[in-house]
PDB file of N, CA and C in Angstrom:
ATOM      1  N   MET A   1      13.029  29.111 -86.605  1.00  0.00           N
ATOM      2  CA  MET A   1      14.188  28.506 -87.147  1.00  0.00           C
ATOM      3  C   MET A   1      15.580  28.834 -86.491  1.00  0.00           C
ATOM      4  N   SER A   2      16.317  28.502 -86.167  1.00  0.00           N
ATOM      5  CA  SER A   2      18.048  29.190 -85.258  1.00  0.00           C
ATOM      6  C   SER A   2      18.339  29.290 -87.139  1.00  0.00           C
ATOM      7  N   SER A   3      19.826  30.022 -86.667  1.00  0.00           N
ATOM      8  CA  SER A   3      20.562  30.378 -88.061  1.00  0.00           C
ATOM      9  C   SER A   3      21.226  29.303 -88.080  1.00  0.00           C
ATOM     10  N   TRP A   4      21.397  28.218 -86.848  1.00  0.00           N
ATOM     11  CA  TRP A   4      22.140  27.205 -86.939  1.00  0.00           C
ATOM     12  C   TRP A   4      22.089  25.539 -87.606  1.00  0.00           C
ATOM     13  N   VAL A   5      20.187  25.770 -87.372  1.00  0.00           N
ATOM     14  CA  VAL A   5      19.679  24.889 -87.652  1.00  0.00           C
ATOM     15  C   VAL A   5      19.322  24.990 -89.472  1.00  0.00           C
ATOM     16  N   LYS A   6      19.142  26.176 -89.663  1.00  0.00           N
ATOM     17  CA  LYS A   6      18.685  26.452 -91.080  1.00  0.00           C
ATOM     18  C   LYS A   6      20.522  26.863 -91.559  1.00  0.00           C
ATOM     19  N   ARG A   7      21.568  26.780 -91.772  1.00  0.00           N
ATOM     20  CA  ARG A   7      22.700  26.772 -92.364  1.00  0.00           C
ATOM     21  C   ARG A   7      22.965  24.735 -91.891  1.00  0.00           C
ATOM     22  N   HIS A   8      22.533  24.163 -91.352  1.00  0.00           N
ATOM     23  CA  HIS A   8      22.912  22.927 -91.092  1.00  0.00           C
ATOM     24  C   HIS A   8      21.914  21.976 -92.218  1.00  0.00           C
ATOM     25  N   PHE A   9      20.576  22.382 -92.247  1.00  0.00           N
ATOM     26  CA  PHE A   9      19.802  21.816 -93.929  1.00  0.00           C
ATOM     27  C   PHE A   9      20.246  22.432 -94.850  1.00  0.00           C
ATOM     28  N   GLU A  10      21.208  23.961 -95.085  1.00  0.00           N
ATOM     29  CA  GLU A  10      21.618  23.536 -96.052  1.00  0.00           C
ATOM     30  C   GLU A  10      22.065  22.897 -96.768  1.00  0.00           C
ATOM     31  N   HIS A  11      23.277  22.803 -95.691  1.00  0.00           N
ATOM     32  CA  HIS A  11      24.158  21.394 -95.823  1.00  0.00           C
ATOM     33  C   HIS A  11      24.102  20.183 -95.719  1.00  0.00           C
ATOM     34  N   LEU A  12      22.776  19.874 -94.635  1.00  0.00           N
ATOM     35  CA  LEU A  12      22.269  18.379 -95.670  1.00  0.00           C
ATOM     36  C   LEU A  12      21.952  18.495 -97.368  1.00  0.00           C
ATOM     37  N   ARG A  13      20.886  19.560 -97.332  1.00  0.00           N
ATOM     38  CA  ARG A  13      20.525  19.190 -98.451  1.00  0.00           C
ATOM     39  C   ARG A  13      21.746  19.042 -99.757  1.00  0.00           C
ATOM     40  N   LYS A  14      23.055  19.226 -99.620  1.00  0.00           N
ATOM     41  CA  LYS A  14      23.931  19.297-100.448  1.00  0.00           C
ATOM     42  C   LYS A  14      24.881  17.945-100.270  1.00  0.00           C
ATOM     43  N   TRP A  15      23.504  17.069 -99.441  1.00  0.00           N
ATOM     44  CA  TRP A  15      24.661  15.721 -99.228  1.00  0.00           C
ATOM     45  C   TRP A  15      25.588  14.693-100.783  1.00  0.00           C
ATOM     46  N   ARG A  16      24.831  15.510-102.035  1.00  0.00           N
ATOM     47  CA  ARG A  16      25.635  14.402-102.957  1.00  0.00           C
ATOM     48  C   ARG A  16      26.681  15.253-103.089  1.00  0.00           C
ATOM     49  N   GLU A  17      26.350  16.004-103.447  1.00  0.00           N
ATOM     50  CA  GLU A  17      28.173  17.342-103.556  1.00  0.00           C
ATOM     51  C   GLU A  17      28.863  17.119-102.625  1.00  0.00           C
ATOM     52  N   TYR A  18      28.550  17.266-101.511  1.00  0.00           N
ATOM     53  CA  TYR A  18      29.506  16.270-100.630  1.00  0.00           C
ATOM     54  C   TYR A  18      30.089  15.317-100.515  1.00  0.00           C
ATOM     55  N   ALA A  19      29.218  14.822-101.096  1.00  0.00           N
ATOM     56  CA  ALA A  19      30.013  13.334-101.218  1.00  0.00           C
ATOM     57  C   ALA A  19      30.854  12.608-102.633  1.00  0.00           C
ATOM     58  N   GLU A  20      30.202  13.247-103.570  1.00  0.00           N
ATOM     59  CA  GLU A  20      31.463  13.113-104.538  1.00  0.00           C
ATOM     60  C   GLU A  20      32.845  13.453-104.387  1.00  0.00           C
ATOM     61  N   ALA A  21      32.573  15.110-103.775  1.00  0.00           N
ATOM     62  CA  ALA A  21      33.989  15.745-103.139  1.00  0.00           C
ATOM     63  C   ALA A  21      35.001  14.594-101.994  1.00  0.00           C
ATOM     64  N   ILE A  22      34.349  13.860-101.676  1.00  0.00           N
ATOM     65  CA  ILE A  22      35.014  12.951-100.658  1.00  0.00           C
ATOM     66  C   ILE A  22      34.985  11.689-101.209  1.00  0.00           C
ATOM     67  N   ALA A  23      34.888  11.284-102.538  1.00  0.00           N
ATOM     68  CA  ALA A  23      34.490  10.305-102.982  1.00  0.00           C
ATOM     69  C   ALA A  23      36.043  10.735-103.984  1.00  0.00           C
ATOM     70  N   LYS A  24      36.314  11.804-104.771  1.00  0.00           N
ATOM     71  CA  LYS A  24      37.084  11.696-105.625  1.00  0.00           C
ATOM     72  C   LYS A  24      37.946  12.499-104.579  1.00  0.00           C
ATOM     73  N   ALA A  25      38.132  12.513-103.699  1.00  0.00           N
ATOM     74  CA  ALA A  25      39.470  13.128-102.265  1.00  0.00           C
ATOM     75  C   ALA A  25      39.788  11.833-101.876  1.00  0.00           C
ATOM     76  N   ALA A  26      39.521  10.849-101.286  1.00  0.00           N
ATOM     77  CA  ALA A  26      39.270   9.373-101.230  1.00  0.00           C
ATOM     78  C   ALA A  26      40.562   8.819-102.384  1.00  0.00           C
ATOM     79  N   MET A  27      39.752   8.793-103.482  1.00  0.00           N
ATOM     80  CA  MET A  27      40.129   8.252-104.873  1.00  0.00           C
ATOM     81  C   MET A  27      41.521   8.163-104.974  1.00  0.00           C
ATOM     82  N   ASP A  28      41.992   9.781-105.024  1.00  0.00           N
ATOM     83  CA  ASP A  28      42.826  10.684-104.984  1.00  0.00           C
ATOM     84  C   ASP A  28      44.260  10.350-104.187  1.00  0.00           C
ATOM     85  N   VAL A  29      44.135   9.564-102.513  1.00  0.00           N
ATOM     86  CA  VAL A  29      45.103   9.613-101.746  1.00  0.00           C
ATOM     87  C   VAL A  29      44.772   7.658-101.216  1.00  0.00           C
ATOM     88  N   VAL A  30      43.984   6.868-102.018  1.00  0.00           N
ATOM     89  CA  VAL A  30      43.746   5.413-101.552  1.00  0.00           C
ATOM     90  C   VAL A  30      43.110   4.839-103.430  1.00  0.00           C
ATOM     91  N   PRO A  31      43.883   5.046-104.357  1.00  0.00           N
ATOM     92  CA  PRO A  31      43.196   4.707-105.469  1.00  0.00           C
ATOM     93  C   PRO A  31      42.920   2.921-104.595  1.00  0.00           C
ATOM     94  N   GLY A  32      41.632   2.863-105.543  1.00  0.00           N
ATOM     95  CA  GLY A  32      40.918   2.001-105.473  1.00  0.00           C
ATOM     96  C   GLY A  32      39.785   1.748-103.794  1.00  0.00           C
ATOM     97  N   ALA A  33      39.735   2.993-103.891  1.00  0.00           N
ATOM     98  CA  ALA A  33      38.540   3.278-102.552  1.00  0.00           C
ATOM     99  C   ALA A  33      37.400   3.034-102.856  1.00  0.00           C
ATOM    100  N   ARG A  34      36.365   2.805-102.054  1.00  0.00           N
ATOM    101  CA  ARG A  34      35.079   2.463-102.572  1.00  0.00           C
ATOM    102  C   ARG A  34      34.372   3.581-101.770  1.00  0.00           C
ATOM    103  N   VAL A  35      33.902   4.405-102.008  1.00  0.00           N
ATOM    104  CA  VAL A  35      32.693   4.791-101.160  1.00  0.00           C
ATOM    105  C   VAL A  35      31.430   4.861-101.300  1.00  0.00           C
ATOM    106  N   TYR A  36      30.687   5.324-100.162  1.00  0.00           N
ATOM    107  CA  TYR A  36      28.897   4.695-100.127  1.00  0.00           C
ATOM    108  C   TYR A  36      28.425   5.743 -98.804  1.00  0.00           C
ATOM    109  N   VAL A  37      27.349   6.074 -99.599  1.00  0.00           N
ATOM    110  CA  VAL A  37      26.732   7.098 -98.137  1.00  0.00           C
ATOM    111  C   VAL A  37      25.634   6.269 -97.827  1.00  0.00           C
ATOM    112  N   ILE A  38      25.529   6.623 -96.448  1.00  0.00           N
ATOM    113  CA  ILE A  38      25.196   5.217 -95.663  1.00  0.00           C
ATOM    114  C   ILE A  38      23.558   5.324 -94.492  1.00  0.00           C
ATOM    115  N   GLY A  39      23.263   5.285 -93.392  1.00  0.00           N
ATOM    116  CA  GLY A  39      22.696   5.714 -92.667  1.00  0.00           C
ATOM    117  C   GLY A  39      21.549   6.576 -92.818  1.00  0.00           C
ATOM    118  N   GLY A  40      20.931   7.920 -92.282  1.00  0.00           N
ATOM    119  CA  GLY A  40      19.948   8.463 -92.092  1.00  0.00           C
ATOM    120  C   GLY A  40      19.652   9.581 -93.853  1.00  0.00           C
ATOM    121  N   VAL A  41      20.650   9.567 -94.248  1.00  0.00           N
ATOM    122  CA  VAL A  41      20.550  10.704 -95.265  1.00  0.00           C
ATOM    123  C   VAL A  41      20.246   9.739 -96.112  1.00  0.00           C
ATOM    124  N   ALA A  42      21.559   8.479 -96.526  1.00  0.00           N
ATOM    125  CA  ALA A  42      20.590   7.942 -97.299  1.00  0.00           C
ATOM    126  C   ALA A  42      18.990   7.301 -97.237  1.00  0.00           C
ATOM    127  N   GLU A  43      18.761   7.430 -96.456  1.00  0.00           N
ATOM    128  CA  GLU A  43      17.624   6.624 -95.971  1.00  0.00           C
ATOM    129  C   GLU A  43      16.268   7.513 -95.950  1.00  0.00           C
ATOM    130  N   ASP A  44      16.665   9.147 -96.036  1.00  0.00           N
ATOM    131  CA  ASP A  44      16.275   9.510 -96.411  1.00  0.00           C
ATOM    132  C   ASP A  44      15.272  10.196 -94.864  1.00  0.00           C
ATOM    133  N   ARG A  45      16.213   9.960 -93.920  1.00  0.00           N
ATOM    134  CA  ARG A  45      15.689  10.495 -92.033  1.00  0.00           C
ATOM    135  C   ARG A  45      16.813  11.447 -92.005  1.00  0.00           C
ATOM    136  N   VAL A  46      16.281  12.175 -92.940  1.00  0.00           N
ATOM    137  CA  VAL A  46      16.868  13.809 -91.914  1.00  0.00           C
ATOM    138  C   VAL A  46      16.180  14.459 -91.537  1.00  0.00           C
ATOM    139  N   THR A  47      16.953  14.691 -89.765  1.00  0.00           N
ATOM    140  CA  THR A  47      16.738  15.640 -88.666  1.00  0.00           C
ATOM    141  C   THR A  47      18.017  16.610 -88.847  1.00  0.00           C
ATOM    142  N   ALA A  48      17.304  17.650 -87.676  1.00  0.00           N
ATOM    143  CA  ALA A  48      18.642  18.488 -87.796  1.00  0.00           C
ATOM    144  C   ALA A  48      19.871  17.881 -86.741  1.00  0.00           C
ATOM    145  N   LEU A  49      19.901  16.990 -86.340  1.00  0.00           N
ATOM    146  CA  LEU A  49      20.841  16.785 -85.645  1.00  0.00           C
ATOM    147  C   LEU A  49      21.754  16.023 -86.852  1.00  0.00           C
ATOM    148  N   SER A  50      21.213  15.554 -88.090  1.00  0.00           N
ATOM    149  CA  SER A  50      21.638  14.211 -88.588  1.00  0.00           C
ATOM    150  C   SER A  50      23.341  15.141 -89.345  1.00  0.00           C
ATOM    151  N   ASP A  51      24.085  13.530 -89.250  1.00  0.00           N
ATOM    152  CA  ASP A  51      24.976  14.012 -90.281  1.00  0.00           C
ATOM    153  C   ASP A  51      25.611  12.713 -91.415  1.00  0.00           C
ATOM    154  N   ILE A  52      26.258  13.312 -91.725  1.00  0.00           N
ATOM    155  CA  ILE A  52      26.589  12.573 -93.849  1.00  0.00           C
ATOM    156  C   ILE A  52      27.537  11.423 -93.026  1.00  0.00           C
ATOM    157  N   ASP A  53      26.825  10.645 -92.772  1.00  0.00           N
ATOM    158  CA  ASP A  53      27.525   9.187 -93.111  1.00  0.00           C
ATOM    159  C   ASP A  53      28.563   8.797 -94.329  1.00  0.00           C
ATOM    160  N   ILE A  54      29.829   8.939 -94.145  1.00  0.00           N
ATOM    161  CA  ILE A  54      29.876   8.329 -95.455  1.00  0.00           C
ATOM    162  C   ILE A  54      31.112   7.198 -95.485  1.00  0.00           C
ATOM    163  N   LEU A  55      30.656   6.272 -95.576  1.00  0.00           N
ATOM    164  CA  LEU A  55      31.828   5.357 -95.260  1.00  0.00           C
ATOM    165  C   LEU A  55      32.670   4.505 -96.681  1.00  0.00           C
ATOM    166  N   VAL A  56      34.115   4.845 -96.096  1.00  0.00           N
ATOM    167  CA  VAL A  56      35.318   4.612 -97.444  1.00  0.00           C
ATOM    168  C   VAL A  56      35.837   3.284 -97.079  1.00  0.00           C
ATOM    169  N   VAL A  57      36.006   3.086 -98.259  1.00  0.00           N
ATOM    170  CA  VAL A  57      36.341   1.829 -98.144  1.00  0.00           C
ATOM    171  C   VAL A  57      37.555   1.221 -98.854  1.00  0.00           C
ATOM    172  N   VAL A  58      38.674   1.021 -97.940  1.00  0.00           N
ATOM    173  CA  VAL A  58      39.576   1.144 -98.583  1.00  0.00           C
ATOM    174  C   VAL A  58      40.717  -0.415 -98.885  1.00  0.00           C
ATOM    175  N   PRO A  59      41.332  -0.782 -99.918  1.00  0.00           N
ATOM    176  CA  PRO A  59      42.060  -2.076-100.591  1.00  0.00           C
ATOM    177  C   PRO A  59      43.133  -2.477 -99.158  1.00  0.00           C
ATOM    178  N   GLY A  60      43.191  -3.368 -98.782  1.00  0.00           N
ATOM    179  CA  GLY A  60      44.180  -3.245 -98.494  1.00  0.00           C
ATOM    180  C   GLY A  60      44.185  -2.861 -96.752  1.00  0.00           C
ATOM    181  N   GLY A  61      43.368  -2.689 -96.441  1.00  0.00           N
ATOM    182  CA  GLY A  61      42.843  -2.271 -94.867  1.00  0.00           C
ATOM    183  C   GLY A  61      44.035  -0.655 -94.092  1.00  0.00           C
ATOM    184  N   ALA A  62      45.020  -0.616 -94.763  1.00  0.00           N
ATOM    185  CA  ALA A  62      45.759   0.401 -93.891  1.00  0.00           C
ATOM    186  C   ALA A  62      45.059   1.572 -94.457  1.00  0.00           C
ATOM    187  N   ARG A  63      45.283   2.150 -92.471  1.00  0.00           N
ATOM    188  CA  ARG A  63      43.891   3.528 -92.063  1.00  0.00           C
ATOM    189  C   ARG A  63      45.088   4.410 -92.072  1.00  0.00           C
ATOM    190  N   LYS A  64      45.069   4.514 -91.674  1.00  0.00           N
ATOM    191  CA  LYS A  64      45.951   4.737 -90.726  1.00  0.00           C
ATOM    192  C   LYS A  64      46.450   6.387 -90.857  1.00  0.00           C
ATOM    193  N   GLY A  65      45.981   7.747 -90.103  1.00  0.00           N
ATOM    194  CA  GLY A  65      45.794   8.969 -91.397  1.00  0.00           C
ATOM    195  C   GLY A  65      44.939   9.082 -91.804  1.00  0.00           C
ATOM    196  N   LEU A  66      44.428   8.252 -92.770  1.00  0.00           N
ATOM    197  CA  LEU A  66      43.100   8.655 -93.636  1.00  0.00           C
ATOM    198  C   LEU A  66      41.952   9.056 -93.660  1.00  0.00           C
ATOM    199  N   TYR A  67      41.773   9.277 -92.235  1.00  0.00           N
ATOM    200  CA  TYR A  67      40.772  10.501 -91.834  1.00  0.00           C
ATOM    201  C   TYR A  67      40.886  12.002 -92.300  1.00  0.00           C
ATOM    202  N   ALA A  68      42.109  12.150 -91.891  1.00  0.00           N
ATOM    203  CA  ALA A  68      42.740  13.427 -91.897  1.00  0.00           C
ATOM    204  C   ALA A  68      42.693  13.681 -93.318  1.00  0.00           C
ATOM    205  N   ASP A  69      43.909  12.890 -94.268  1.00  0.00           N
ATOM    206  CA  ASP A  69      44.102  12.765 -95.461  1.00  0.00           C
ATOM    207  C   ASP A  69      42.596  13.026 -96.651  1.00  0.00           C
ATOM    208  N   VAL A  70      41.672  12.354 -96.101  1.00  0.00           N
ATOM    209  CA  VAL A  70      40.319  12.176 -97.209  1.00  0.00           C
ATOM    210  C   VAL A  70      40.092  13.608 -96.565  1.00  0.00           C
ATOM    211  N   LEU A  71      40.051  13.929 -95.554  1.00  0.00           N
ATOM    212  CA  LEU A  71      38.973  15.293 -95.334  1.00  0.00           C
ATOM    213  C   LEU A  71      39.432  16.863 -95.686  1.00  0.00           C
ATOM    214  N   GLU A  72      41.119  16.129 -95.351  1.00  0.00           N
ATOM    215  CA  GLU A  72      41.608  18.091 -95.799  1.00  0.00           C
ATOM    216  C   GLU A  72      42.065  18.003 -97.860  1.00  0.00           C
ATOM    217  N   ARG A  73      42.258  17.197 -98.359  1.00  0.00           N
ATOM    218  CA  ARG A  73      41.999  16.683 -99.538  1.00  0.00           C
ATOM    219  C   ARG A  73      40.638  17.457-100.181  1.00  0.00           C
ATOM    220  N   ALA A  74      40.099  16.807 -99.984  1.00  0.00           N
ATOM    221  CA  ALA A  74      38.225  16.816 -99.982  1.00  0.00           C
ATOM    222  C   ALA A  74      38.319  18.938-100.089  1.00  0.00           C
ATOM    223  N   ILE A  75      38.311  19.529 -98.744  1.00  0.00           N
ATOM    224  CA  ILE A  75      38.364  20.677 -98.794  1.00  0.00           C
ATOM    225  C   ILE A  75      39.126  21.726 -99.833  1.00  0.00           C
ATOM    226  N   ASP A  76      40.027  21.197 -99.742  1.00  0.00           N
ATOM    227  CA  ASP A  76      41.479  21.770-100.042  1.00  0.00           C
ATOM    228  C   ASP A  76      41.132  21.838-101.929  1.00  0.00           C
ATOM    229  N   ALA A  77      41.131  20.546-102.694  1.00  0.00           N
ATOM    230  CA  ALA A  77      41.371  20.329-103.667  1.00  0.00           C
ATOM    231  C   ALA A  77      39.633  20.195-104.503  1.00  0.00           C
ATOM    232  N   TYR A  78      38.546  20.159-103.226  1.00  0.00           N
ATOM    233  CA  TYR A  78      36.794  19.557-104.239  1.00  0.00           C
ATOM    234  C   TYR A  78      36.291  20.606-103.511  1.00  0.00           C
ATOM    235  N   GLY A  79      36.631  21.353-103.258  1.00  0.00           N
ATOM    236  CA  GLY A  79      36.188  22.497-102.266  1.00  0.00           C
ATOM    237  C   GLY A  79      34.839  21.807-101.283  1.00  0.00           C
ATOM    238  N   LEU A  80      34.750  20.908 -99.861  1.00  0.00           N
ATOM    239  CA  LEU A  80      34.202  20.765 -99.560  1.00  0.00           C
ATOM    240  C   LEU A  80      33.825  21.759 -98.256  1.00  0.00           C
ATOM    241  N   PRO A  81      33.115  22.095 -97.597  1.00  0.00           N
ATOM    242  CA  PRO A  81      33.175  23.134 -97.070  1.00  0.00           C
ATOM    243  C   PRO A  81      34.031  22.747 -95.551  1.00  0.00           C
ATOM    244  N   TRP A  82      34.826  22.996 -94.755  1.00  0.00           N
ATOM    245  CA  TRP A  82      35.447  22.982 -93.594  1.00  0.00           C
ATOM    246  C   TRP A  82      34.180  22.630 -92.606  1.00  0.00           C
ATOM    247  N   ASP A  83      33.380  23.362 -92.478  1.00  0.00           N
ATOM    248  CA  ASP A  83      31.898  23.089 -91.528  1.00  0.00           C
ATOM    249  C   ASP A  83      30.606  21.896 -92.004  1.00  0.00           C
ATOM    250  N   ALA A  84      31.449  21.517 -92.801  1.00  0.00           N
ATOM    251  CA  ALA A  84      30.375  20.307 -93.490  1.00  0.00           C
ATOM    252  C   ALA A  84      30.062  18.989 -92.560  1.00  0.00           C
ATOM    253  N   PRO A  85      28.051  18.634 -92.470  1.00  0.00           N
ATOM    254  CA  PRO A  85      28.603  18.230 -91.367  1.00  0.00           C
ATOM    255  C   PRO A  85      29.035  16.109 -91.798  1.00  0.00           C
ATOM    256  N   VAL A  86      30.113  16.453 -92.327  1.00  0.00           N
ATOM    257  CA  VAL A  86      29.918  14.679 -92.429  1.00  0.00           C
ATOM    258  C   VAL A  86      31.100  14.036 -91.961  1.00  0.00           C
ATOM    259  N   GLU A  87      30.828  12.365 -91.323  1.00  0.00           N
ATOM    260  CA  GLU A  87      30.892  11.682 -90.682  1.00  0.00           C
ATOM    261  C   GLU A  87      31.719  10.441 -91.757  1.00  0.00           C
ATOM    262  N   LEU A  88      32.912  10.662 -91.789  1.00  0.00           N
ATOM    263  CA  LEU A  88      34.108   9.466 -92.405  1.00  0.00           C
ATOM    264  C   LEU A  88      33.924   7.975 -91.675  1.00  0.00           C
ATOM    265  N   HIS A  89      33.860   7.060 -92.101  1.00  0.00           N
ATOM    266  CA  HIS A  89      34.072   5.584 -91.961  1.00  0.00           C
ATOM    267  C   HIS A  89      35.100   5.279 -92.538  1.00  0.00           C
ATOM    268  N   ILE A  90      35.878   5.586 -92.298  1.00  0.00           N
ATOM    269  CA  ILE A  90      37.331   4.825 -92.994  1.00  0.00           C
ATOM    270  C   ILE A  90      37.168   3.122 -92.726  1.00  0.00           C
ATOM    271  N   VAL A  91      37.251   2.467 -93.454  1.00  0.00           N
ATOM    272  CA  VAL A  91      37.279   1.140 -92.970  1.00  0.00           C
ATOM    273  C   VAL A  91      37.858  -0.507 -94.540  1.00  0.00           C
ATOM    274  N   SER A  92      37.755  -1.414 -93.887  1.00  0.00           N
ATOM    275  CA  SER A  92      38.788  -2.194 -94.488  1.00  0.00           C
ATOM    276  C   SER A  92      37.415  -3.508 -94.852  1.00  0.00           C
ATOM    277  N   GLU A  93      37.855  -3.696 -96.447  1.00  0.00           N
ATOM    278  CA  GLU A  93      37.497  -4.456 -97.159  1.00  0.00           C
ATOM    279  C   GLU A  93      35.797  -5.079 -96.412  1.00  0.00           C
ATOM    280  N   ASN A  94      36.848  -6.360 -95.055  1.00  0.00           N
ATOM    281  CA  ASN A  94      35.584  -7.339 -94.445  1.00  0.00           C
ATOM    282  C   ASN A  94      35.063  -6.477 -93.408  1.00  0.00           C
ATOM    283  N   GLU A  95      34.804  -4.883 -92.781  1.00  0.00           N
ATOM    284  CA  GLU A  95      34.517  -4.186 -92.416  1.00  0.00           C
ATOM    285  C   GLU A  95      33.492  -3.671 -92.899  1.00  0.00           C
ATOM    286  N   ALA A  96      33.217  -3.378 -94.097  1.00  0.00           N
ATOM    287  CA  ALA A  96      32.417  -2.786 -94.868  1.00  0.00           C
ATOM    288  C   ALA A  96      31.278  -3.295 -95.088  1.00  0.00           C
ATOM    289  N   LYS A  97      31.260  -5.133 -95.928  1.00  0.00           N
ATOM    290  CA  LYS A  97      30.592  -5.680 -95.919  1.00  0.00           C
ATOM    291  C   LYS A  97      29.599  -6.233 -94.520  1.00  0.00           C
ATOM    292  N   GLU A  98      29.563  -6.031 -93.606  1.00  0.00           N
ATOM    293  CA  GLU A  98      29.427  -5.792 -91.834  1.00  0.00           C
ATOM    294  C   GLU A  98      28.542  -4.359 -92.359  1.00  0.00           C
ATOM    295  N   TYR A  99      28.735  -3.091 -92.597  1.00  0.00           N
ATOM    296  CA  TYR A  99      28.488  -2.029 -92.505  1.00  0.00           C
ATOM    297  C   TYR A  99      26.865  -2.230 -93.513  1.00  0.00           C
ATOM    298  N   LEU A 100      27.874  -2.566 -94.570  1.00  0.00           N
ATOM    299  CA  LEU A 100      26.467  -2.303 -95.947  1.00  0.00           C
ATOM    300  C   LEU A 100      25.528  -3.942 -95.502  1.00  0.00           C
ATOM    301  N   ARG A 101      25.597  -4.761 -94.839  1.00  0.00           N
ATOM    302  CA  ARG A 101      24.865  -5.260 -94.850  1.00  0.00           C
ATOM    303  C   ARG A 101      23.481  -4.934 -93.641  1.00  0.00           C
ATOM    304  N   ARG A 102      23.777  -4.490 -93.094  1.00  0.00           N
ATOM    305  CA  ARG A 102      23.475  -3.543 -92.094  1.00  0.00           C
ATOM    306  C   ARG A 102      22.564  -2.398 -92.527  1.00  0.00           C
ATOM    307  N   ALA A 103      22.775  -2.088 -93.699  1.00  0.00           N
ATOM    308  CA  ALA A 103      21.853  -0.664 -94.035  1.00  0.00           C
ATOM    309  C   ALA A 103      20.811  -1.248 -94.877  1.00  0.00           C
ATOM    310  N   ARG A 104      19.771  -0.088 -94.883  1.00  0.00           N
ATOM    311  CA  ARG A 104      18.885   0.066 -94.969  1.00  0.00           C
ATOM    312  C   ARG A 104      19.130   0.641 -96.649  1.00  0.00           C
ATOM    313  N   ARG A 105      19.185   1.326 -96.811  1.00  0.00           N
ATOM    314  CA  ARG A 105      20.214   2.100 -97.783  1.00  0.00           C
ATOM    315  C   ARG A 105      21.532   2.474 -98.485  1.00  0.00           C
ATOM    316  N   ALA A 106      22.463   2.046 -99.534  1.00  0.00           N
ATOM    317  CA  ALA A 106      23.321   2.365 -99.456  1.00  0.00           C
ATOM    318  C   ALA A 106      23.367   2.652-101.083  1.00  0.00           C
ATOM    319  N   VAL A 107      24.732   4.334-101.332  1.00  0.00           N
ATOM    320  CA  VAL A 107      24.528   4.898-102.139  1.00  0.00           C
ATOM    321  C   VAL A 107      25.700   4.958-102.240  1.00  0.00           C
ATOM    322  N   HIS A 108      26.377   4.101-103.411  1.00  0.00           N
ATOM    323  CA  HIS A 108      27.432   3.915-103.918  1.00  0.00           C
ATOM    324  C   HIS A 108      27.903   5.164-104.856  1.00  0.00           C
ATOM    325  N   VAL A 109      29.154   5.882-104.843  1.00  0.00           N
ATOM    326  CA  VAL A 109      29.119   7.175-104.856  1.00  0.00           C
ATOM    327  C   VAL A 109      30.333   6.824-105.597  1.00  0.00           C
ATOM    328  N   THR A 110      30.882   7.702-106.576  1.00  0.00           N
ATOM    329  CA  THR A 110      31.799   7.740-107.613  1.00  0.00           C
ATOM    330  C   THR A 110      31.631   9.518-108.424  1.00  0.00           C
ATOM    331  N   PRO A 111      33.202   9.732-108.987  1.00  0.00           N
ATOM    332  CA  PRO A 111      33.277  10.852-110.045  1.00  0.00           C
ATOM    333  C   PRO A 111      32.301  11.121-110.271  1.00  0.00           C
ATOM    334  N   GLY A 112      31.851   9.653-110.730  1.00  0.00           N
ATOM    335  CA  GLY A 112      30.661   9.804-112.254  1.00  0.00           C
ATOM    336  C   GLY A 112      29.637  10.350-111.472  1.00  0.00           C
ATOM    337  N   GLY A 113      28.613  10.261-110.214  1.00  0.00           N
ATOM    338  CA  GLY A 113      27.491  10.245-110.126  1.00  0.00           C
ATOM    339  C   GLY A 113      27.872   9.149-108.838  1.00  0.00           C
ATOM    340  N   LEU A 114      26.129   8.959-108.243  1.00  0.00           N
ATOM    341  CA  LEU A 114      25.350   8.103-107.864  1.00  0.00           C
ATOM    342  C   LEU A 114      24.662   6.815-107.858  1.00  0.00           C
ATOM    343  N   GLU A 115      24.776   5.924-107.949  1.00  0.00           N
ATOM    344  CA  GLU A 115      23.334   4.248-107.808  1.00  0.00           C
ATOM    345  C   GLU A 115      23.103   3.978-106.361  1.00  0.00           C
ATOM    346  N   VAL A 116      22.314   4.023-106.181  1.00  0.00           N
ATOM    347  CA  VAL A 116      21.467   3.978-105.167  1.00  0.00           C
ATOM    348  C   VAL A 116      21.316   2.354-105.282  1.00  0.00           C
ATOM    349  N   ASP A 117      21.535   1.530-103.888  1.00  0.00           N
ATOM    350  CA  ASP A 117      21.544   0.067-103.660  1.00  0.00           C
ATOM    351  C   ASP A 117      20.548  -0.052-102.449  1.00  0.00           C
ATOM    352  N   ASN A 118      18.611  -0.043-103.165  1.00  0.00           N
ATOM    353  CA  ASN A 118      18.137  -0.013-101.430  1.00  0.00           C
ATOM    354  C   ASN A 118      18.223  -1.602-101.986  1.00  0.00           C
ATOM    355  N   ARG A 119      17.782  -1.866-100.121  1.00  0.00           N
ATOM    356  CA  ARG A 119      18.026  -2.833 -98.828  1.00  0.00           C
ATOM    357  C   ARG A 119      16.959  -3.466 -98.940  1.00  0.00           C
ATOM    358  N   SER A 120      15.980  -4.219 -98.830  1.00  0.00           N
ATOM    359  CA  SER A 120      14.498  -4.782 -97.989  1.00  0.00           C
ATOM    360  C   SER A 120      15.239  -5.795 -97.109  1.00  0.00           C
ATOM    361  N   LYS A 121      14.857  -4.972 -95.834  1.00  0.00           N
ATOM    362  CA  LYS A 121      15.320  -5.842 -94.578  1.00  0.00           C
ATOM    363  C   LYS A 121      13.710  -6.715 -94.554  1.00  0.00           C
ATOM    364  N   ALA A 122      13.568  -7.999 -95.070  1.00  0.00           N
ATOM    365  CA  ALA A 122      13.020  -9.361 -94.107  1.00  0.00           C
ATOM    366  C   ALA A 122      12.897  -9.316 -92.660  1.00  0.00           C
TER     367      ALA A 122
END
């Protein structure tokens, strides 16, 4: 296994820790923000090419510059590694409804922990 793949999987195993760092940072930058892990990591479908999809729901929908602000805060204040494979999706309340409707599984992330929301697709 290549060193890049090994390092990437080490990062992916720490998705909970990374998601909590993003959640704390998002709430610092935007009080009232909600954070969810969605996609392959939340659904236990991880591959060597996976990233950690993190949905940041901002009240009011003002998003300009938030991607960089949240990521920088997570790195500087909460120890998120600069090379962590996180992909932030900064969305409004209305956009979040669509993301969460499509998700098979969403993990709500709070500074105190994680809450799994399993969704069955009929």
